Amino acid sequence: MNYEINDTEFKRLSSLLYDITGITLNDSKKVLLTGRLSKRLTALGLGTYTQYFKYVTDPAHTRELDFMVDLLTTNETYFFREPQHFDFLKQIVPPAVKDGSVFRVWSAAASIGAEAYTIAMILADKLGAGGAWEILGTDISNSVLEQARRGHYRISEAEKIPSEYLKKYCLKGKGAQEGTFLIDKKLRQHVNFANLNLNVEGMKKVGDFDVIFLRNVLIYFDVPTKQRVIANLVPCLKNGGYLIVGHSESLNGITNALVQEKPTVYRRM
């Protein structure tokens, strides 16, 4: 069933999403919003988006609010997306980690885990599958994090994974699992996933990282939200560590705490 949304309803729902996540939906995103939420109205037996707004903001329905955020914040991701960034990662990973230290990378908007496991393949190749490295993947959506933890994907999603990595680090499904692949446990044991809202004022520090990937996230934020998110991430970056953003993003006018090393790559001095 198609549900019409008026300007007031769209503003209420988009403002609610902004308050929670910092993501801005302009009028051009009406189709996206209605396309993702219309099935919820049907499932809940609601006739209008005004009724849905009242339902989702009722303290008795917090699970539906979480579900709404999941539906509206899940974006495209795939293995080895924007490969130049992974080539850069290969260049900066040390040949070995010494003195009991651990090379740590944060995938700050991990989605279903494709970015985190791409990073894991590179670190395993450079430092060994049993080496001293860790990856943290975070996202605001619990549903995508569940898939990320499983590390189980359709075989079509392996298209961009180099063949040598596919053979070394991915297990091809057989029988009932045919048509899928599983990230090898020797990689998954280095990767932890957690729910985290990057937009929270004074977000708690989640660790110290050599590299933070924050790609294709800032494009959804206005300037104040970008500044708040970067201010949350900078204290988690080691001195000399790198923050990587998407190819269509920039930190110009957002922070003075990082120095641009090259397009989309910034360093904490």
Protein backbone atom coordinates (compact mmCIF):
# COMPACT_ATOMS: atom_id res chain seq x y z
CA MET A 1 0.00 0.00 0.00
CA ASN A 2 1.22 3.52 -0.79
CA TYR A 3 1.01 6.12 1.96
CA GLU A 4 1.11 9.81 1.12
CA ILE A 5 3.29 11.98 3.35
CA ASN A 6 2.70 15.70 3.78
CA ASP A 7 5.32 18.32 4.53
CA THR A 8 4.52 18.45 8.25
CA GLU A 9 4.80 14.68 8.64
CA PHE A 10 8.08 14.57 6.74
CA LYS A 11 9.50 17.40 8.85
CA ARG A 12 8.53 15.67 12.09
CA LEU A 13 10.10 12.36 11.13
CA SER A 14 13.23 13.89 9.60
CA SER A 15 13.67 16.12 12.67
CA LEU A 16 13.36 13.07 14.92
CA LEU A 17 16.03 11.27 12.91
CA TYR A 18 18.26 14.36 13.08
CA ASP A 19 17.90 14.64 16.86
CA ILE A 20 18.96 11.02 17.30
CA THR A 21 21.64 10.59 14.64
CA GLY A 22 22.57 14.01 13.27
CA ILE A 23 21.58 12.84 9.78
CA THR A 24 19.85 15.49 7.70
CA LEU A 25 17.11 14.47 5.26
CA ASN A 26 16.16 17.21 2.81
CA ASP A 27 13.00 17.20 0.72
CA SER A 28 14.65 15.12 -1.97
CA LYS A 29 14.76 12.22 0.53
CA LYS A 30 10.98 11.94 0.90
CA VAL A 31 10.90 8.97 -1.46
CA LEU A 32 13.64 7.23 0.51
CA LEU A 33 11.85 7.79 3.82
CA THR A 34 8.45 6.64 2.60
CA GLY A 35 9.96 3.73 0.73
CA ARG A 36 11.64 2.43 3.87
CA LEU A 37 8.87 3.17 6.38
CA SER A 38 5.68 2.36 4.44
CA LYS A 39 5.94 -1.35 5.26
CA ARG A 40 6.11 -0.48 8.96
CA LEU A 41 2.83 1.41 8.71
CA THR A 42 1.27 -1.63 7.08
CA ALA A 43 2.72 -4.02 9.66
CA LEU A 44 1.49 -1.88 12.56
CA GLY A 45 -1.93 -1.25 11.05
CA LEU A 46 -1.44 2.51 10.90
CA GLY A 47 -3.00 4.70 8.25
CA THR A 48 -0.84 7.84 8.27
CA TYR A 49 2.67 9.01 9.05
CA THR A 50 1.20 11.21 11.79
CA GLN A 51 -0.01 8.07 13.52
CA TYR A 52 3.40 6.47 12.99
CA PHE A 53 5.18 9.48 14.51
CA LYS A 54 2.96 9.27 17.61
CA TYR A 55 3.58 5.53 17.82
CA VAL A 56 7.36 5.71 17.43
CA THR A 57 7.73 8.55 19.97
CA ASP A 58 5.66 6.74 22.60
CA PRO A 59 8.05 5.58 25.40
CA ALA A 60 6.28 2.22 25.29
CA HIS A 61 7.55 1.63 21.73
CA THR A 62 11.31 2.21 21.98
CA ARG A 63 12.00 -0.92 19.94
CA GLU A 64 10.11 0.56 17.02
CA LEU A 65 12.17 3.75 17.33
CA ASP A 66 15.34 1.65 17.10
CA PHE A 67 13.88 -0.12 14.09
CA MET A 68 13.06 3.19 12.41
CA VAL A 69 16.64 4.38 12.89
CA ASP A 70 17.91 1.08 11.47
CA LEU A 71 15.77 1.47 8.36
CA LEU A 72 16.76 5.07 7.70
CA THR A 73 20.50 4.81 8.38
CA THR A 74 21.48 1.66 6.51
CA ASN A 75 23.54 2.71 3.48
CA GLU A 76 25.47 1.09 0.68
CA THR A 77 28.65 -0.72 1.62
CA TYR A 78 30.80 -3.41 0.03
CA PHE A 79 34.20 -5.04 0.35
CA PHE A 80 37.20 -3.00 -0.84
CA ARG A 81 35.08 0.08 -1.54
CA GLU A 82 37.27 3.07 -2.53
CA PRO A 83 40.36 0.82 -2.80
CA GLN A 84 42.87 3.68 -2.74
CA HIS A 85 42.31 3.94 1.01
CA PHE A 86 43.25 0.32 1.50
CA ASP A 87 46.35 0.79 -0.62
CA PHE A 88 47.26 3.62 1.75
CA LEU A 89 46.63 1.38 4.75
CA LYS A 90 49.02 -1.21 3.32
CA GLN A 91 51.72 1.47 3.11
CA ILE A 92 51.44 2.62 6.73
CA VAL A 93 51.07 -0.73 8.49
CA PRO A 94 54.44 -1.51 10.11
CA PRO A 95 56.20 -4.74 9.09
CA ALA A 96 55.86 -5.88 12.71
CA VAL A 97 54.34 -4.60 15.94
CA LYS A 98 56.91 -4.43 18.74
CA ASP A 99 57.12 -3.81 22.49
CA GLY A 100 53.82 -5.47 23.24
CA SER A 101 51.83 -2.83 21.38
CA VAL A 102 48.83 -3.54 19.17
CA PHE A 103 48.00 -1.96 15.80
CA ARG A 104 44.41 -0.80 16.15
CA VAL A 105 41.93 0.35 13.50
CA TRP A 106 38.40 1.68 14.00
CA SER A 107 35.69 1.29 11.35
CA ALA A 108 33.47 4.02 12.79
CA ALA A 109 30.43 3.42 10.57
CA ALA A 110 30.77 -0.31 10.09
CA SER A 111 27.35 -1.20 8.68
CA ILE A 112 27.30 -4.94 7.86
CA GLY A 113 31.06 -5.27 8.43
CA ALA A 114 32.42 -5.24 4.87
CA GLU A 115 34.84 -2.39 5.64
CA ALA A 116 36.02 -3.91 8.92
CA TYR A 117 36.71 -7.29 7.34
CA THR A 118 38.43 -5.67 4.37
CA ILE A 119 40.76 -4.01 6.87
CA ALA A 120 41.17 -7.35 8.65
CA MET A 121 42.32 -9.06 5.46
CA ILE A 122 44.97 -6.40 4.92
CA LEU A 123 46.22 -6.52 8.51
CA ALA A 124 46.32 -10.31 8.49
CA ASP A 125 48.32 -10.21 5.28
CA LYS A 126 50.78 -7.63 6.67
CA LEU A 127 51.02 -8.70 10.33
CA GLY A 128 49.86 -12.31 10.22
CA ALA A 129 46.50 -13.80 11.12
CA GLY A 130 47.79 -14.33 14.65
CA GLY A 131 49.53 -10.96 14.87
CA ALA A 132 49.08 -8.07 17.29
CA TRP A 133 46.23 -6.18 15.67
CA GLU A 134 42.64 -5.34 16.52
CA ILE A 135 39.67 -3.79 14.75
CA LEU A 136 36.65 -2.11 16.29
CA GLY A 137 33.55 -1.72 14.14
CA THR A 138 30.75 0.54 15.37
CA ASP A 139 27.36 1.54 14.03
CA ILE A 140 24.11 3.00 15.31
CA SER A 141 22.08 0.19 13.74
CA ASN A 142 21.81 -3.04 15.72
CA SER A 143 20.48 -5.05 12.79
CA VAL A 144 23.53 -4.47 10.59
CA LEU A 145 25.82 -5.17 13.55
CA GLU A 146 24.21 -8.59 13.97
CA GLN A 147 25.17 -9.49 10.41
CA ALA A 148 28.64 -8.00 10.89
CA ARG A 149 29.26 -10.22 13.91
CA ARG A 150 28.24 -13.30 11.95
CA GLY A 151 30.56 -12.42 9.06
CA HIS A 152 28.30 -14.36 6.71
CA TYR A 153 27.53 -12.93 3.25
CA ARG A 154 26.08 -13.76 -0.15
CA ILE A 155 28.72 -14.94 -2.60
CA SER A 156 27.83 -12.03 -4.90
CA GLU A 157 29.24 -9.68 -2.24
CA ALA A 158 32.70 -11.22 -2.74
CA GLU A 159 33.02 -9.67 -6.20
CA LYS A 160 35.55 -6.99 -5.17
CA ILE A 161 37.64 -9.18 -2.86
CA PRO A 162 41.03 -10.04 -4.47
CA SER A 163 41.22 -13.74 -5.29
CA GLU A 164 44.20 -14.37 -2.99
CA TYR A 165 42.33 -12.88 -0.03
CA LEU A 166 39.19 -14.80 -0.95
CA LYS A 167 41.11 -18.07 -0.83
CA LYS A 168 43.00 -17.28 2.39
CA TYR A 169 40.36 -15.61 4.51
CA CYS A 170 36.90 -16.65 3.26
CA LEU A 171 35.14 -20.01 3.55
CA LYS A 172 32.83 -20.97 0.70
CA GLY A 173 29.45 -22.27 1.82
CA LYS A 174 28.43 -25.82 0.99
CA GLY A 175 25.14 -27.70 1.12
CA ALA A 176 22.50 -25.53 2.75
CA GLN A 177 25.01 -22.65 2.80
CA GLU A 178 25.80 -22.80 -0.91
CA GLY A 179 25.85 -19.35 -2.49
CA THR A 180 27.34 -17.74 0.60
CA PHE A 181 30.73 -17.28 2.22
CA LEU A 182 31.94 -16.87 5.79
CA ILE A 183 34.83 -14.73 7.01
CA ASP A 184 37.36 -17.11 8.55
CA LYS A 185 37.37 -17.27 12.35
CA LYS A 186 41.07 -16.40 12.40
CA LEU A 187 40.05 -12.92 11.18
CA ARG A 188 36.76 -12.62 13.07
CA GLN A 189 38.51 -13.15 16.39
CA HIS A 190 40.42 -9.87 15.83
CA VAL A 191 37.26 -7.85 15.12
CA ASN A 192 34.77 -6.57 17.70
CA PHE A 193 31.52 -4.79 16.90
CA ALA A 194 29.57 -2.42 19.14
CA ASN A 195 26.59 -0.09 18.95
CA LEU A 196 27.69 3.54 19.12
CA ASN A 197 26.15 6.89 18.24
CA LEU A 198 28.94 9.17 16.99
CA ASN A 199 26.65 12.18 17.35
CA VAL A 200 26.41 12.16 21.15
CA GLU A 201 27.85 15.26 22.85
CA GLY A 202 30.93 14.18 24.81
CA MET A 203 30.83 10.60 23.52
CA LYS A 204 32.86 8.27 25.71
CA LYS A 205 36.32 7.35 24.46
CA VAL A 206 36.37 3.85 22.98
CA GLY A 207 40.15 3.39 22.75
CA ASP A 208 43.32 4.62 21.06
CA PHE A 209 43.65 3.91 17.36
CA ASP A 210 46.37 4.09 14.73
CA VAL A 211 43.78 4.59 11.98
CA ILE A 212 40.11 5.59 11.99
CA PHE A 213 37.93 5.05 8.92
CA LEU A 214 34.98 7.47 8.80
CA ARG A 215 33.99 7.18 5.17
CA ASN A 216 30.80 8.33 3.45
CA VAL A 217 29.24 9.43 6.72
CA LEU A 218 29.88 13.16 6.98
CA ILE A 219 27.97 13.82 3.76
CA TYR A 220 24.76 13.20 5.70
CA PHE A 221 25.55 15.77 8.41
CA ASP A 222 25.29 19.53 8.66
CA VAL A 223 28.39 21.49 9.76
CA PRO A 224 27.66 21.55 13.53
CA THR A 225 27.11 17.79 13.51
CA LYS A 226 30.29 17.19 11.52
CA GLN A 227 32.22 19.25 14.04
CA ARG A 228 30.73 17.34 16.97
CA VAL A 229 31.44 13.93 15.41
CA ILE A 230 35.06 14.80 14.56
CA ALA A 231 35.56 16.25 18.05
CA ASN A 232 34.40 12.90 19.43
CA LEU A 233 36.81 10.93 17.25
CA VAL A 234 40.00 12.98 17.55
CA PRO A 235 40.74 12.01 21.19
CA CYS A 236 40.60 8.35 20.11
CA LEU A 237 43.32 8.86 17.50
CA LYS A 238 46.93 8.25 18.55
CA ASN A 239 49.43 11.04 17.95
CA GLY A 240 50.56 10.52 14.37
CA GLY A 241 47.49 8.44 13.63
CA TYR A 242 45.32 8.82 10.54
CA LEU A 243 41.65 9.64 9.98
CA ILE A 244 40.28 8.65 6.57
CA VAL A 245 37.07 10.07 5.10
CA GLY A 246 35.23 9.32 1.86
CA HIS A 247 36.29 10.64 -1.54
CA SER A 248 33.42 13.13 -1.62
CA GLU A 249 34.16 14.45 1.88
CA SER A 250 36.48 17.03 3.43
CA LEU A 251 37.35 18.32 6.91
CA ASN A 252 37.99 21.88 5.70
CA GLY A 253 36.41 24.22 8.22
CA ILE A 254 35.51 21.32 10.50
CA THR A 255 38.58 20.88 12.73
CA ASN A 256 42.05 22.31 13.39
CA ALA A 257 43.16 19.21 15.30
CA LEU A 258 44.15 17.29 12.16
CA VAL A 259 46.50 18.05 9.27
CA GLN A 260 45.65 16.96 5.74
CA GLU A 261 48.26 14.51 4.46
CA LYS A 262 46.57 13.92 1.11
CA PRO A 263 43.00 14.14 -0.22
CA THR A 264 40.64 12.39 2.26
CA VAL A 265 43.51 11.46 4.62
CA TYR A 266 44.19 13.50 7.77
CA ARG A 267 46.77 13.06 10.52
CA ARG A 268 46.87 13.95 14.19
CA MET A 269 50.20 15.61 14.91
